[in-house]
């Protein structure tokens, strides 16, 4: 047989095309199955798969533990100086660092036993984070107002929150009150489809309070248990925008007794101490009740979690530790502190 004849070459080409088409079909089928699979269904539990927060804090934990281990090997005075540098380097903040070291000294942290110091530090860190990490859903609808500056991952966080609640069997309705950007409305619509949530939206440029009003009416009519309100990303230094956020909150208060039941502020862990000024401004405008810290897995400065919790008295509710839909985890103080100070 002449392998170079036109007939053989043609048959070979047809075979290659057929195999390639089959491979593409298989790939598309697998991707469609993965895309359509409800959040948390992979393990059959109906819940998003647990992810070890400690392992997600590689960037923050490794650098801090290296500095902590170095500090433990020094004499008393040098030890606390090095420990202070480690805490400040992790963006814990001067005020919180000073208070923490005072507590450690008071509890006998100046002893010569390095591991005793580690245990004392661990205990005091947990003490600082001893606040409720999640609010219990006690009303229907349970309204959660989500806010933050531009670029922190606010809309994506709402999508992940929707996935958490739908995985727990709750009916979720999203309200697209970020009407300044058409892209934000479309992005939220994609998340609604992906998580099986309902959505209420208006055209770009609509009055955010009007969208919220319609959304709350729809939530009652449809029997939604969780209402997630997306607000426009805004600079905390822009007074008119912050005033508008207050107007949105007042709309919720009028329409839902006791609402909003939670006001979550989304903070980017990589912004460091600037997150504190953001939290102060948003708390004044909207009465922040909890914080979501995103990008915690990609920074060596996760100490802002401590600073916000201690200096402002605002608990961290959730932390973002990845890009996946299941990578928004309820904040666990024990796992967080373990990732910072426990030896590998």
Foldseek 3Di string as FASTA:
>chain_A
DDCPDPVNVVVVVVVVVVVVVVVVVVVVVVVVCVQQDAAPPPVPPLAHDDDQVLVLLCLQAVQLQVLLVVLLPDAQVSSLVSNLVSLVVLLLDDVLSVVLVVQLVVVVLSDNDSVVVLVSSLVSLVVLQPDDQDDDQDDPQAEEEEAAAPPLCGLVVLLLVLSRVVSVVFAEEEQELQQQDPVSVVSNVVSCVSNVHHYFYDHRPDQSLVSLLVRLVVSVVVVGRYYYYYHHHHDLVDVVSLQSLLVSQVSQVVRDPCPNVAYEYEAEQVVRPVVQVRVVSNCVSRNHQEYEYEPSSPHNNNSVQSNCCNVVVHHHNWYASDDDSSRIGGDDSSSVSCSHRPDD
